[in-house]
């Protein structure tokens, strides 16, 4: 059975609609930090670490 994480962000369009900077920082963190960790870094920093699939759904 594949092992993965799933993150669902509801009301994406209206989420942080008055704070575009924070919204962009959050998206950047997912793309550059969180996804990268589970794709590559986990192999080096977690005992018996294996890459995991991370599914992110942006839902309105």
Protein backbone atom coordinates (compact mmCIF):
# COMPACT_ATOMS: atom_id res chain seq x y z
CA UNK A 1 0.00 0.00 0.00
CA UNK A 2 1.52 3.37 -0.99
CA UNK A 3 2.18 5.80 1.83
CA UNK A 4 1.33 9.45 1.28
CA UNK A 5 0.13 12.61 2.92
CA UNK A 6 -2.91 14.50 1.71
CA UNK A 7 -3.56 18.17 2.48
CA UNK A 8 -6.86 19.72 1.43
CA UNK A 9 -7.16 23.49 1.57
CA UNK A 10 -10.80 24.51 1.37
CA UNK A 11 -12.00 27.95 0.22
CA UNK A 12 -8.68 28.56 -1.48
CA UNK A 13 -9.87 31.58 -3.47
CA UNK A 14 -11.01 33.46 -0.39
CA UNK A 15 -8.28 32.18 1.92
CA UNK A 16 -6.09 35.11 2.91
CA UNK A 17 -7.68 37.19 0.17
CA UNK A 18 -6.70 40.38 1.99
CA UNK A 19 -3.16 39.17 2.68
CA UNK A 20 -1.61 38.21 -0.64
CA UNK A 21 1.92 38.25 0.76
CA UNK A 22 1.16 35.59 3.38
CA UNK A 23 -0.72 33.50 0.83
CA UNK A 24 2.27 33.57 -1.52
CA UNK A 25 4.65 32.71 1.33
CA UNK A 26 2.49 29.74 2.26
CA UNK A 27 2.43 28.45 -1.32
CA UNK A 28 6.16 28.98 -1.64
CA UNK A 29 6.74 27.00 1.58
CA UNK A 30 4.74 24.08 0.22
CA UNK A 31 6.57 24.11 -3.10
CA UNK A 32 10.13 24.72 -1.96
CA UNK A 33 10.30 23.38 1.58
CA UNK A 34 7.61 20.81 2.35
CA UNK A 35 7.48 19.08 -1.04
CA UNK A 36 11.26 19.10 -1.32
CA UNK A 37 11.60 17.56 2.13
CA UNK A 38 9.31 14.63 1.34
CA UNK A 39 10.82 14.11 -2.11
CA UNK A 40 14.51 14.22 -1.18
CA UNK A 41 15.64 15.37 2.27
CA UNK A 42 13.68 12.70 4.14
CA UNK A 43 16.18 10.13 2.83
CA UNK A 44 19.01 11.89 4.67
CA UNK A 45 17.48 13.17 7.91
CA UNK A 46 14.99 10.49 8.99
CA UNK A 47 16.06 7.01 10.11
CA UNK A 48 14.93 4.63 7.37
CA UNK A 49 13.47 7.70 5.64
CA UNK A 50 11.79 7.11 2.34
CA UNK A 51 10.25 9.62 -0.04
CA UNK A 52 6.50 10.04 0.39
CA UNK A 53 3.91 11.40 -1.96
CA UNK A 54 2.33 14.64 -0.78
CA UNK A 55 -1.00 15.47 -2.38
CA UNK A 56 -2.19 19.06 -2.01
CA UNK A 57 -5.70 19.95 -3.14
CA UNK A 58 -6.77 23.58 -3.46
CA UNK A 59 -10.56 23.53 -3.31
CA UNK A 60 -13.11 26.34 -3.64
